[in-house]
Amino acid sequence: MSKKRFIIFGFVNTLATNIILQILLFFIQISLATLISQLIGMIIGFFVYGKLVFRNSSLSIKKLTMYIYLTLLIWIINWSGIYFLSLNGIKKNIAAILLIPFLALFSYLIQKRKVFV
């Protein structure tokens, strides 16, 4: 059941952060655009995923720290993925969209097995 909740809440969170990312990619460099969108997703995600998806009753500093590390890792993967795909002729906005399923799967697995256990 957590997969279904993750997909639903993840879709909303991803949609919101990717709309922000898509807009920012027109105006600022990739690293800053992905960082800003990732920070917004992190703030929303920690509480939504922790409480509503994985139904964790206590969100500790340790869990927040692990979630921040996960978010940082996903930001690096997202930023470098967009960068390398754009070097190979794929538009930045399309590259960002192509990375979503991979980042979502990775995020779900790490949150379920490491962060919100």
PDB file of N, CA and C in Angstrom:
ATOM      1  N   MET A   1       0.818  -1.205   0.000  1.00  0.00           N
ATOM      2  CA  MET A   1       0.000   0.000   0.000  1.00  0.00           C
ATOM      3  C   MET A   1       0.861   1.269   0.000  1.00  0.00           C
ATOM      4  N   SER A   2       2.053   1.195   0.600  1.00  0.00           N
ATOM      5  CA  SER A   2       2.909   2.390   0.614  1.00  0.00           C
ATOM      6  C   SER A   2       3.337   2.772  -0.800  1.00  0.00           C
ATOM      7  N   LYS A   3       3.433   1.780  -1.702  1.00  0.00           N
ATOM      8  CA  LYS A   3       3.789   2.092  -3.093  1.00  0.00           C
ATOM      9  C   LYS A   3       2.729   2.968  -3.739  1.00  0.00           C
ATOM     10  N   LYS A   4       1.473   2.626  -3.503  1.00  0.00           N
ATOM     11  CA  LYS A   4       0.371   3.400  -4.088  1.00  0.00           C
ATOM     12  C   LYS A   4       0.359   4.824  -3.530  1.00  0.00           C
ATOM     13  N   ARG A   5       0.495   4.954  -2.222  1.00  0.00           N
ATOM     14  CA  ARG A   5       0.535   6.289  -1.607  1.00  0.00           C
ATOM     15  C   ARG A   5       1.746   7.072  -2.106  1.00  0.00           C
ATOM     16  N   PHE A   6       2.892   6.388  -2.234  1.00  0.00           N
ATOM     17  CA  PHE A   6       4.100   7.053  -2.721  1.00  0.00           C
ATOM     18  C   PHE A   6       3.878   7.577  -4.135  1.00  0.00           C
ATOM     19  N   ILE A   7       3.246   6.773  -4.963  1.00  0.00           N
ATOM     20  CA  ILE A   7       2.985   7.191  -6.341  1.00  0.00           C
ATOM     21  C   ILE A   7       2.059   8.405  -6.371  1.00  0.00           C
ATOM     22  N   ILE A   8       0.995   8.354  -5.582  1.00  0.00           N
ATOM     23  CA  ILE A   8       0.036   9.464  -5.578  1.00  0.00           C
ATOM     24  C   ILE A   8       0.680  10.740  -5.035  1.00  0.00           C
ATOM     25  N   PHE A   9       1.227  10.668  -3.821  1.00  0.00           N
ATOM     26  CA  PHE A   9       1.834  11.862  -3.225  1.00  0.00           C
ATOM     27  C   PHE A   9       3.110  12.260  -3.966  1.00  0.00           C
ATOM     28  N   GLY A  10       3.837  11.267  -4.443  1.00  0.00           N
ATOM     29  CA  GLY A  10       5.047  11.546  -5.212  1.00  0.00           C
ATOM     30  C   GLY A  10       4.736  12.259  -6.503  1.00  0.00           C
ATOM     31  N   PHE A  11       3.636  11.858  -7.147  1.00  0.00           N
ATOM     32  CA  PHE A  11       3.222  12.526  -8.383  1.00  0.00           C
ATOM     33  C   PHE A  11       2.950  14.006  -8.132  1.00  0.00           C
ATOM     34  N   VAL A  12       2.209  14.295  -7.080  1.00  0.00           N
ATOM     35  CA  VAL A  12       1.880  15.686  -6.758  1.00  0.00           C
ATOM     36  C   VAL A  12       3.150  16.469  -6.425  1.00  0.00           C
ATOM     37  N   ASN A  13       4.015  15.886  -5.585  1.00  0.00           N
ATOM     38  CA  ASN A  13       5.262  16.547  -5.210  1.00  0.00           C
ATOM     39  C   ASN A  13       6.160  16.727  -6.435  1.00  0.00           C
ATOM     40  N   THR A  14       6.279  15.690  -7.238  1.00  0.00           N
ATOM     41  CA  THR A  14       7.115  15.749  -8.436  1.00  0.00           C
ATOM     42  C   THR A  14       6.571  16.763  -9.430  1.00  0.00           C
ATOM     43  N   LEU A  15       5.270  16.771  -9.598  1.00  0.00           N
ATOM     44  CA  LEU A  15       4.657  17.731 -10.510  1.00  0.00           C
ATOM     45  C   LEU A  15       4.960  19.161 -10.065  1.00  0.00           C
ATOM     46  N   ALA A  16       4.753  19.431  -8.792  1.00  0.00           N
ATOM     47  CA  ALA A  16       4.999  20.780  -8.273  1.00  0.00           C
ATOM     48  C   ALA A  16       6.470  21.177  -8.427  1.00  0.00           C
ATOM     49  N   THR A  17       7.370  20.281  -8.019  1.00  0.00           N
ATOM     50  CA  THR A  17       8.794  20.635  -8.089  1.00  0.00           C
ATOM     51  C   THR A  17       9.288  20.689  -9.532  1.00  0.00           C
ATOM     52  N   ASN A  18       8.728  19.874 -10.412  1.00  0.00           N
ATOM     53  CA  ASN A  18       9.167  19.916 -11.809  1.00  0.00           C
ATOM     54  C   ASN A  18       8.601  21.104 -12.566  1.00  0.00           C
ATOM     55  N   ILE A  19       7.442  21.571 -12.193  1.00  0.00           N
ATOM     56  CA  ILE A  19       6.949  22.821 -12.792  1.00  0.00           C
ATOM     57  C   ILE A  19       7.906  23.952 -12.431  1.00  0.00           C
ATOM     58  N   ILE A  20       8.301  23.985 -11.169  1.00  0.00           N
ATOM     59  CA  ILE A  20       9.267  24.992 -10.725  1.00  0.00           C
ATOM     60  C   ILE A  20      10.589  24.806 -11.472  1.00  0.00           C
ATOM     61  N   LEU A  21      11.057  23.548 -11.572  1.00  0.00           N
ATOM     62  CA  LEU A  21      12.309  23.267 -12.279  1.00  0.00           C
ATOM     63  C   LEU A  21      12.242  23.705 -13.738  1.00  0.00           C
ATOM     64  N   GLN A  22      11.158  23.355 -14.412  1.00  0.00           N
ATOM     65  CA  GLN A  22      11.024  23.707 -15.831  1.00  0.00           C
ATOM     66  C   GLN A  22      11.095  25.209 -16.035  1.00  0.00           C
ATOM     67  N   ILE A  23      10.438  25.955 -15.177  1.00  0.00           N
ATOM     68  CA  ILE A  23      10.470  27.422 -15.283  1.00  0.00           C
ATOM     69  C   ILE A  23      11.871  27.952 -15.005  1.00  0.00           C
ATOM     70  N   LEU A  24      12.493  27.439 -13.933  1.00  0.00           N
ATOM     71  CA  LEU A  24      13.825  27.918 -13.567  1.00  0.00           C
ATOM     72  C   LEU A  24      14.877  27.610 -14.627  1.00  0.00           C
ATOM     73  N   LEU A  25      14.737  26.480 -15.331  1.00  0.00           N
ATOM     74  CA  LEU A  25      15.723  26.110 -16.352  1.00  0.00           C
ATOM     75  C   LEU A  25      15.790  27.124 -17.499  1.00  0.00           C
ATOM     76  N   PHE A  26      14.732  27.895 -17.679  1.00  0.00           N
ATOM     77  CA  PHE A  26      14.753  28.942 -18.710  1.00  0.00           C
ATOM     78  C   PHE A  26      15.558  30.162 -18.286  1.00  0.00           C
ATOM     79  N   PHE A  27      15.758  30.331 -16.981  1.00  0.00           N
ATOM     80  CA  PHE A  27      16.337  31.567 -16.479  1.00  0.00           C
ATOM     81  C   PHE A  27      17.677  31.434 -15.770  1.00  0.00           C
ATOM     82  N   ILE A  28      17.943  30.278 -15.168  1.00  0.00           N
ATOM     83  CA  ILE A  28      19.175  30.132 -14.392  1.00  0.00           C
ATOM     84  C   ILE A  28      19.885  28.830 -14.756  1.00  0.00           C
ATOM     85  N   GLN A  29      21.119  28.700 -14.288  1.00  0.00           N
ATOM     86  CA  GLN A  29      21.922  27.526 -14.610  1.00  0.00           C
ATOM     87  C   GLN A  29      21.327  26.247 -14.007  1.00  0.00           C
ATOM     88  N   ILE A  30      21.676  25.109 -14.604  1.00  0.00           N
ATOM     89  CA  ILE A  30      21.102  23.817 -14.239  1.00  0.00           C
ATOM     90  C   ILE A  30      21.281  23.520 -12.753  1.00  0.00           C
ATOM     91  N   SER A  31      22.489  23.700 -12.234  1.00  0.00           N
ATOM     92  CA  SER A  31      22.761  23.337 -10.843  1.00  0.00           C
ATOM     93  C   SER A  31      21.878  24.104  -9.869  1.00  0.00           C
ATOM     94  N   LEU A  32      21.704  25.390 -10.085  1.00  0.00           N
ATOM     95  CA  LEU A  32      20.883  26.202  -9.191  1.00  0.00           C
ATOM     96  C   LEU A  32      19.392  25.881  -9.354  1.00  0.00           C
ATOM     97  N   ALA A  33      18.959  25.672 -10.583  1.00  0.00           N
ATOM     98  CA  ALA A  33      17.553  25.335 -10.833  1.00  0.00           C
ATOM     99  C   ALA A  33      17.182  24.013 -10.167  1.00  0.00           C
ATOM    100  N   THR A  34      18.041  23.012 -10.320  1.00  0.00           N
ATOM    101  CA  THR A  34      17.738  21.713  -9.697  1.00  0.00           C
ATOM    102  C   THR A  34      17.829  21.795  -8.181  1.00  0.00           C
ATOM    103  N   LEU A  35      18.760  22.602  -7.664  1.00  0.00           N
ATOM    104  CA  LEU A  35      18.885  22.762  -6.213  1.00  0.00           C
ATOM    105  C   LEU A  35      17.627  23.394  -5.616  1.00  0.00           C
ATOM    106  N   ILE A  36      17.148  24.465  -6.221  1.00  0.00           N
ATOM    107  CA  ILE A  36      15.956  25.144  -5.706  1.00  0.00           C
ATOM    108  C   ILE A  36      14.751  24.215  -5.749  1.00  0.00           C
ATOM    109  N   SER A  37      14.552  23.542  -6.873  1.00  0.00           N
ATOM    110  CA  SER A  37      13.395  22.645  -6.969  1.00  0.00           C
ATOM    111  C   SER A  37      13.538  21.473  -6.008  1.00  0.00           C
ATOM    112  N   GLN A  38      14.753  20.998  -5.823  1.00  0.00           N
ATOM    113  CA  GLN A  38      14.987  19.888  -4.896  1.00  0.00           C
ATOM    114  C   GLN A  38      14.716  20.307  -3.450  1.00  0.00           C
ATOM    115  N   LEU A  39      15.098  21.516  -3.083  1.00  0.00           N
ATOM    116  CA  LEU A  39      14.835  22.012  -1.728  1.00  0.00           C
ATOM    117  C   LEU A  39      13.336  22.113  -1.451  1.00  0.00           C
ATOM    118  N   ILE A  40      12.596  22.596  -2.424  1.00  0.00           N
ATOM    119  CA  ILE A  40      11.143  22.679  -2.267  1.00  0.00           C
ATOM    120  C   ILE A  40      10.559  21.275  -2.121  1.00  0.00           C
ATOM    121  N   GLY A  41      11.005  20.364  -2.971  1.00  0.00           N
ATOM    122  CA  GLY A  41      10.547  18.980  -2.876  1.00  0.00           C
ATOM    123  C   GLY A  41      10.936  18.327  -1.561  1.00  0.00           C
ATOM    124  N   MET A  42      12.100  18.690  -1.038  1.00  0.00           N
ATOM    125  CA  MET A  42      12.562  18.121   0.230  1.00  0.00           C
ATOM    126  C   MET A  42      11.673  18.559   1.389  1.00  0.00           C
ATOM    127  N   ILE A  43      11.365  19.817   1.422  1.00  0.00           N
ATOM    128  CA  ILE A  43      10.539  20.335   2.516  1.00  0.00           C
ATOM    129  C   ILE A  43       9.168  19.670   2.501  1.00  0.00           C
ATOM    130  N   ILE A  44       8.555  19.626   1.353  1.00  0.00           N
ATOM    131  CA  ILE A  44       7.248  18.982   1.224  1.00  0.00           C
ATOM    132  C   ILE A  44       7.372  17.483   1.494  1.00  0.00           C
ATOM    133  N   GLY A  45       8.356  16.873   0.871  1.00  0.00           N
ATOM    134  CA  GLY A  45       8.504  15.423   0.908  1.00  0.00           C
ATOM    135  C   GLY A  45       8.748  14.825   2.273  1.00  0.00           C
ATOM    136  N   PHE A  46       9.583  15.442   3.076  1.00  0.00           N
ATOM    137  CA  PHE A  46       9.899  14.855   4.377  1.00  0.00           C
ATOM    138  C   PHE A  46       8.639  14.626   5.202  1.00  0.00           C
ATOM    139  N   PHE A  47       7.803  15.619   5.247  1.00  0.00           N
ATOM    140  CA  PHE A  47       6.581  15.488   6.047  1.00  0.00           C
ATOM    141  C   PHE A  47       5.532  14.615   5.363  1.00  0.00           C
ATOM    142  N   VAL A  48       5.345  14.815   4.085  1.00  0.00           N
ATOM    143  CA  VAL A  48       4.328  14.037   3.366  1.00  0.00           C
ATOM    144  C   VAL A  48       4.702  12.563   3.313  1.00  0.00           C
ATOM    145  N   TYR A  49       5.932  12.258   2.917  1.00  0.00           N
ATOM    146  CA  TYR A  49       6.343  10.857   2.816  1.00  0.00           C
ATOM    147  C   TYR A  49       6.437  10.206   4.191  1.00  0.00           C
ATOM    148  N   GLY A  50       7.014  10.933   5.130  1.00  0.00           N
ATOM    149  CA  GLY A  50       7.168  10.382   6.469  1.00  0.00           C
ATOM    150  C   GLY A  50       5.843  10.080   7.140  1.00  0.00           C
ATOM    151  N   LYS A  51       4.924  11.024   7.092  1.00  0.00           N
ATOM    152  CA  LYS A  51       3.644  10.876   7.807  1.00  0.00           C
ATOM    153  C   LYS A  51       2.582  10.155   6.971  1.00  0.00           C
ATOM    154  N   LEU A  52       2.432  10.508   5.702  1.00  0.00           N
ATOM    155  CA  LEU A  52       1.312  10.004   4.912  1.00  0.00           C
ATOM    156  C   LEU A  52       1.636   8.753   4.092  1.00  0.00           C
ATOM    157  N   VAL A  53       2.870   8.638   3.635  1.00  0.00           N
ATOM    158  CA  VAL A  53       3.225   7.488   2.797  1.00  0.00           C
ATOM    159  C   VAL A  53       3.698   6.321   3.647  1.00  0.00           C
ATOM    160  N   PHE A  54       4.723   6.563   4.458  1.00  0.00           N
ATOM    161  CA  PHE A  54       5.302   5.472   5.243  1.00  0.00           C
ATOM    162  C   PHE A  54       4.717   5.407   6.656  1.00  0.00           C
ATOM    163  N   ARG A  55       3.814   6.317   6.954  1.00  0.00           N
ATOM    164  CA  ARG A  55       3.066   6.329   8.223  1.00  0.00           C
ATOM    165  C   ARG A  55       3.975   6.201   9.439  1.00  0.00           C
ATOM    166  N   ASN A  56       5.016   6.992   9.423  1.00  0.00           N
ATOM    167  CA  ASN A  56       5.979   6.996  10.502  1.00  0.00           C
ATOM    168  C   ASN A  56       5.512   7.981  11.563  1.00  0.00           C
ATOM    169  N   SER A  57       5.316   7.490  12.769  1.00  0.00           N
ATOM    170  CA  SER A  57       4.747   8.348  13.813  1.00  0.00           C
ATOM    171  C   SER A  57       5.751   9.337  14.394  1.00  0.00           C
ATOM    172  N   SER A  58       7.023   9.026  14.313  1.00  0.00           N
ATOM    173  CA  SER A  58       8.017   9.948  14.869  1.00  0.00           C
ATOM    174  C   SER A  58       9.043  10.309  13.808  1.00  0.00           C
ATOM    175  N   LEU A  59       9.063  11.571  13.467  1.00  0.00           N
ATOM    176  CA  LEU A  59      10.032  12.067  12.495  1.00  0.00           C
ATOM    177  C   LEU A  59      11.183  12.702  13.272  1.00  0.00           C
ATOM    178  N   SER A  60      12.240  11.956  13.447  1.00  0.00           N
ATOM    179  CA  SER A  60      13.368  12.380  14.273  1.00  0.00           C
ATOM    180  C   SER A  60      14.386  13.191  13.477  1.00  0.00           C
ATOM    181  N   ILE A  61      15.308  13.774  14.208  1.00  0.00           N
ATOM    182  CA  ILE A  61      16.424  14.499  13.588  1.00  0.00           C
ATOM    183  C   ILE A  61      17.258  13.536  12.743  1.00  0.00           C
ATOM    184  N   LYS A  62      17.444  12.311  13.225  1.00  0.00           N
ATOM    185  CA  LYS A  62      18.196  11.314  12.467  1.00  0.00           C
ATOM    186  C   LYS A  62      17.531  11.041  11.125  1.00  0.00           C
ATOM    187  N   LYS A  63      16.214  10.900  11.112  1.00  0.00           N
ATOM    188  CA  LYS A  63      15.492  10.655   9.867  1.00  0.00           C
ATOM    189  C   LYS A  63      15.566  11.865   8.946  1.00  0.00           C
ATOM    190  N   LEU A  64      15.465  13.048   9.539  1.00  0.00           N
ATOM    191  CA  LEU A  64      15.587  14.265   8.738  1.00  0.00           C
ATOM    192  C   LEU A  64      16.973  14.355   8.114  1.00  0.00           C
ATOM    193  N   THR A  65      18.000  14.044   8.878  1.00  0.00           N
ATOM    194  CA  THR A  65      19.371  14.073   8.367  1.00  0.00           C
ATOM    195  C   THR A  65      19.538  13.083   7.216  1.00  0.00           C
ATOM    196  N   MET A  66      19.023  11.882   7.390  1.00  0.00           N
ATOM    197  CA  MET A  66      19.112  10.879   6.316  1.00  0.00           C
ATOM    198  C   MET A  66      18.333  11.337   5.084  1.00  0.00           C
ATOM    199  N   TYR A  67      17.183  11.966   5.317  1.00  0.00           N
ATOM    200  CA  TYR A  67      16.374  12.459   4.207  1.00  0.00           C
ATOM    201  C   TYR A  67      17.099  13.583   3.463  1.00  0.00           C
ATOM    202  N   ILE A  68      17.772  14.445   4.210  1.00  0.00           N
ATOM    203  CA  ILE A  68      18.549  15.521   3.583  1.00  0.00           C
ATOM    204  C   ILE A  68      19.679  14.937   2.738  1.00  0.00           C
ATOM    205  N   TYR A  69      20.372  13.925   3.254  1.00  0.00           N
ATOM    206  CA  TYR A  69      21.433  13.274   2.465  1.00  0.00           C
ATOM    207  C   TYR A  69      20.870  12.647   1.205  1.00  0.00           C
ATOM    208  N   LEU A  70      19.717  12.003   1.325  1.00  0.00           N
ATOM    209  CA  LEU A  70      19.075  11.414   0.151  1.00  0.00           C
ATOM    210  C   LEU A  70      18.722  12.494  -0.862  1.00  0.00           C
ATOM    211  N   THR A  71      18.161  13.587  -0.383  1.00  0.00           N
ATOM    212  CA  THR A  71      17.793  14.688  -1.263  1.00  0.00           C
ATOM    213  C   THR A  71      19.018  15.266  -1.959  1.00  0.00           C
ATOM    214  N   LEU A  72      20.100  15.399  -1.223  1.00  0.00           N
ATOM    215  CA  LEU A  72      21.347  15.894  -1.804  1.00  0.00           C
ATOM    216  C   LEU A  72      21.849  14.950  -2.897  1.00  0.00           C
ATOM    217  N   LEU A  73      21.814  13.656  -2.628  1.00  0.00           N
ATOM    218  CA  LEU A  73      22.244  12.673  -3.615  1.00  0.00           C
ATOM    219  C   LEU A  73      21.358  12.726  -4.863  1.00  0.00           C
ATOM    220  N   ILE A  74      20.051  12.830  -4.673  1.00  0.00           N
ATOM    221  CA  ILE A  74      19.139  12.908  -5.816  1.00  0.00           C
ATOM    222  C   ILE A  74      19.376  14.189  -6.609  1.00  0.00           C
ATOM    223  N   TRP A  75      19.654  15.281  -5.909  1.00  0.00           N
ATOM    224  CA  TRP A  75      19.960  16.528  -6.607  1.00  0.00           C
ATOM    225  C   TRP A  75      21.201  16.367  -7.486  1.00  0.00           C
ATOM    226  N   ILE A  76      22.241  15.735  -6.950  1.00  0.00           N
ATOM    227  CA  ILE A  76      23.477  15.534  -7.717  1.00  0.00           C
ATOM    228  C   ILE A  76      23.203  14.652  -8.941  1.00  0.00           C
ATOM    229  N   ILE A  77      22.451  13.591  -8.747  1.00  0.00           N
ATOM    230  CA  ILE A  77      22.115  12.704  -9.864  1.00  0.00           C
ATOM    231  C   ILE A  77      21.285  13.455 -10.904  1.00  0.00           C
ATOM    232  N   ASN A  78      20.297  14.227 -10.444  1.00  0.00           N
ATOM    233  CA  ASN A  78      19.428  14.982 -11.347  1.00  0.00           C
ATOM    234  C   ASN A  78      20.225  16.026 -12.126  1.00  0.00           C
ATOM    235  N   TRP A  79      21.024  16.797 -11.409  1.00  0.00           N
ATOM    236  CA  TRP A  79      21.824  17.848 -12.034  1.00  0.00           C
ATOM    237  C   TRP A  79      22.796  17.253 -13.056  1.00  0.00           C
ATOM    238  N   SER A  80      23.540  16.232 -12.652  1.00  0.00           N
ATOM    239  CA  SER A  80      24.514  15.651 -13.573  1.00  0.00           C
ATOM    240  C   SER A  80      23.825  14.925 -14.731  1.00  0.00           C
ATOM    241  N   GLY A  81      22.689  14.298 -14.445  1.00  0.00           N
ATOM    242  CA  GLY A  81      21.943  13.618 -15.511  1.00  0.00           C
ATOM    243  C   GLY A  81      21.454  14.596 -16.562  1.00  0.00           C
ATOM    244  N   ILE A  82      20.871  15.708 -16.117  1.00  0.00           N
ATOM    245  CA  ILE A  82      20.409  16.734 -17.063  1.00  0.00           C
ATOM    246  C   ILE A  82      21.600  17.292 -17.844  1.00  0.00           C
ATOM    247  N   TYR A  83      22.681  17.552 -17.136  1.00  0.00           N
ATOM    248  CA  TYR A  83      23.874  18.110 -17.776  1.00  0.00           C
ATOM    249  C   TYR A  83      24.410  17.169 -18.864  1.00  0.00           C
ATOM    250  N   PHE A  84      24.598  15.897 -18.524  1.00  0.00           N
ATOM    251  CA  PHE A  84      25.174  14.960 -19.496  1.00  0.00           C
ATOM    252  C   PHE A  84      24.223  14.653 -20.649  1.00  0.00           C
ATOM    253  N   LEU A  85      22.942  14.564 -20.364  1.00  0.00           N
ATOM    254  CA  LEU A  85      21.989  14.352 -21.455  1.00  0.00           C
ATOM    255  C   LEU A  85      21.947  15.572 -22.382  1.00  0.00           C
ATOM    256  N   SER A  86      22.050  16.767 -21.802  1.00  0.00           N
ATOM    257  CA  SER A  86      22.039  17.970 -22.641  1.00  0.00           C
ATOM    258  C   SER A  86      23.311  18.077 -23.490  1.00  0.00           C
ATOM    259  N   LEU A  87      24.417  17.548 -22.988  1.00  0.00           N
ATOM    260  CA  LEU A  87      25.647  17.518 -23.795  1.00  0.00           C
ATOM    261  C   LEU A  87      25.492  16.609 -25.009  1.00  0.00           C
ATOM    262  N   ASN A  88      24.586  15.651 -24.912  1.00  0.00           N
ATOM    263  CA  ASN A  88      24.348  14.713 -26.008  1.00  0.00           C
ATOM    264  C   ASN A  88      23.155  15.124 -26.873  1.00  0.00           C
ATOM    265  N   GLY A  89      22.797  16.401 -26.814  1.00  0.00           N
ATOM    266  CA  GLY A  89      21.796  16.934 -27.729  1.00  0.00           C
ATOM    267  C   GLY A  89      20.359  16.883 -27.255  1.00  0.00           C
ATOM    268  N   ILE A  90      20.123  16.430 -26.040  1.00  0.00           N
ATOM    269  CA  ILE A  90      18.755  16.401 -25.518  1.00  0.00           C
ATOM    270  C   ILE A  90      18.511  17.719 -24.790  1.00  0.00           C
ATOM    271  N   LYS A  91      17.389  18.358 -25.092  1.00  0.00           N
ATOM    272  CA  LYS A  91      17.074  19.624 -24.443  1.00  0.00           C
ATOM    273  C   LYS A  91      16.976  19.419 -22.928  1.00  0.00           C
ATOM    274  N   LYS A  92      17.411  20.437 -22.186  1.00  0.00           N
ATOM    275  CA  LYS A  92      17.440  20.339 -20.721  1.00  0.00           C
ATOM    276  C   LYS A  92      16.083  19.980 -20.137  1.00  0.00           C
ATOM    277  N   ASN A  93      15.041  20.580 -20.658  1.00  0.00           N
ATOM    278  CA  ASN A  93      13.703  20.326 -20.121  1.00  0.00           C
ATOM    279  C   ASN A  93      13.269  18.883 -20.369  1.00  0.00           C
ATOM    280  N   ILE A  94      13.582  18.358 -21.532  1.00  0.00           N
ATOM    281  CA  ILE A  94      13.249  16.960 -21.858  1.00  0.00           C
ATOM    282  C   ILE A  94      14.087  16.019 -21.002  1.00  0.00           C
ATOM    283  N   ALA A  95      15.358  16.340 -20.833  1.00  0.00           N
ATOM    284  CA  ALA A  95      16.246  15.519 -20.002  1.00  0.00           C
ATOM    285  C   ALA A  95      15.718  15.429 -18.577  1.00  0.00           C
ATOM    286  N   ALA A  96      15.240  16.547 -18.043  1.00  0.00           N
ATOM    287  CA  ALA A  96      14.700  16.564 -16.681  1.00  0.00           C
ATOM    288  C   ALA A  96      13.493  15.633 -16.576  1.00  0.00           C
ATOM    289  N   ILE A  97      12.649  15.644 -17.573  1.00  0.00           N
ATOM    290  CA  ILE A  97      11.460  14.776 -17.567  1.00  0.00           C
ATOM    291  C   ILE A  97      11.856  13.306 -17.688  1.00  0.00           C
ATOM    292  N   LEU A  98      12.844  13.020 -18.532  1.00  0.00           N
ATOM    293  CA  LEU A  98      13.287  11.631 -18.720  1.00  0.00           C
ATOM    294  C   LEU A  98      13.858  11.013 -17.442  1.00  0.00           C
ATOM    295  N   LEU A  99      14.424  11.821 -16.594  1.00  0.00           N
ATOM    296  CA  LEU A  99      15.042  11.322 -15.363  1.00  0.00           C
ATOM    297  C   LEU A  99      14.045  11.025 -14.241  1.00  0.00           C
ATOM    298  N   ILE A 100      12.842  11.552 -14.347  1.00  0.00           N
ATOM    299  CA  ILE A 100      11.860  11.417 -13.264  1.00  0.00           C
ATOM    300  C   ILE A 100      11.630   9.976 -12.820  1.00  0.00           C
ATOM    301  N   PRO A 101      11.335   9.032 -13.718  1.00  0.00           N
ATOM    302  CA  PRO A 101      11.038   7.664 -13.238  1.00  0.00           C
ATOM    303  C   PRO A 101      12.205   7.022 -12.481  1.00  0.00           C
ATOM    304  N   PHE A 102      13.407   7.252 -12.945  1.00  0.00           N
ATOM    305  CA  PHE A 102      14.579   6.668 -12.296  1.00  0.00           C
ATOM    306  C   PHE A 102      14.810   7.275 -10.916  1.00  0.00           C
ATOM    307  N   LEU A 103      14.678   8.584 -10.835  1.00  0.00           N
ATOM    308  CA  LEU A 103      14.852   9.262  -9.552  1.00  0.00           C
ATOM    309  C   LEU A 103      13.754   8.872  -8.571  1.00  0.00           C
ATOM    310  N   ALA A 104      12.534   8.718  -9.058  1.00  0.00           N
ATOM    311  CA  ALA A 104      11.415   8.340  -8.183  1.00  0.00           C
ATOM    312  C   ALA A 104      11.611   6.935  -7.621  1.00  0.00           C
ATOM    313  N   LEU A 105      12.000   5.996  -8.452  1.00  0.00           N
ATOM    314  CA  LEU A 105      12.227   4.624  -7.989  1.00  0.00           C
ATOM    315  C   LEU A 105      13.358   4.583  -6.968  1.00  0.00           C
ATOM    316  N   PHE A 106      14.437   5.242  -7.266  1.00  0.00           N
ATOM    317  CA  PHE A 106      15.572   5.293  -6.351  1.00  0.00           C
ATOM    318  C   PHE A 106      15.150   5.902  -5.017  1.00  0.00           C
ATOM    319  N   SER A 107      14.428   7.020  -5.079  1.00  0.00           N
ATOM    320  CA  SER A 107      13.978   7.702  -3.874  1.00  0.00           C
ATOM    321  C   SER A 107      13.067   6.805  -3.035  1.00  0.00           C
ATOM    322  N   TYR A 108      12.124   6.152  -3.664  1.00  0.00           N
ATOM    323  CA  TYR A 108      11.198   5.277  -2.936  1.00  0.00           C
ATOM    324  C   TYR A 108      11.954   4.172  -2.204  1.00  0.00           C
ATOM    325  N   LEU A 109      12.856   3.509  -2.909  1.00  0.00           N
ATOM    326  CA  LEU A 109      13.585   2.390  -2.308  1.00  0.00           C
ATOM    327  C   LEU A 109      14.428   2.829  -1.115  1.00  0.00           C
ATOM    328  N   ILE A 110      15.105   3.938  -1.251  1.00  0.00           N
ATOM    329  CA  ILE A 110      15.949   4.418  -0.154  1.00  0.00           C
ATOM    330  C   ILE A 110      15.099   4.891   1.023  1.00  0.00           C
ATOM    331  N   GLN A 111      14.018   5.601   0.750  1.00  0.00           N
ATOM    332  CA  GLN A 111      13.154   6.050   1.841  1.00  0.00           C
ATOM    333  C   GLN A 111      12.557   4.870   2.596  1.00  0.00           C
ATOM    334  N   LYS A 112      12.103   3.891   1.858  1.00  0.00           N
ATOM    335  CA  LYS A 112      11.454   2.734   2.488  1.00  0.00           C
ATOM    336  C   LYS A 112      12.434   1.911   3.303  1.00  0.00           C
ATOM    337  N   ARG A 113      13.656   1.727   2.771  1.00  0.00           N
ATOM    338  CA  ARG A 113      14.616   0.816   3.403  1.00  0.00           C
ATOM    339  C   ARG A 113      15.584   1.472   4.367  1.00  0.00           C
ATOM    340  N   LYS A 114      15.785   2.784   4.220  1.00  0.00           N
ATOM    341  CA  LYS A 114      16.806   3.445   5.043  1.00  0.00           C
ATOM    342  C   LYS A 114      16.298   4.616   5.871  1.00  0.00           C
ATOM    343  N   VAL A 115      15.412   5.429   5.316  1.00  0.00           N
ATOM    344  CA  VAL A 115      15.045   6.665   5.983  1.00  0.00           C
ATOM    345  C   VAL A 115      13.889   6.476   6.971  1.00  0.00           C
ATOM    346  N   PHE A 116      12.781   5.964   6.501  1.00  0.00           N
ATOM    347  CA  PHE A 116      11.576   5.887   7.326  1.00  0.00           C
ATOM    348  C   PHE A 116      11.314   4.482   7.855  1.00  0.00           C
ATOM    349  N   VAL A 117      12.344   3.795   8.312  1.00  0.00           N
ATOM    350  CA  VAL A 117      12.191   2.439   8.869  1.00  0.00           C
ATOM    351  C   VAL A 117      11.910   2.491  10.358  1.00  0.00           C
TER     352      VAL A 117
END
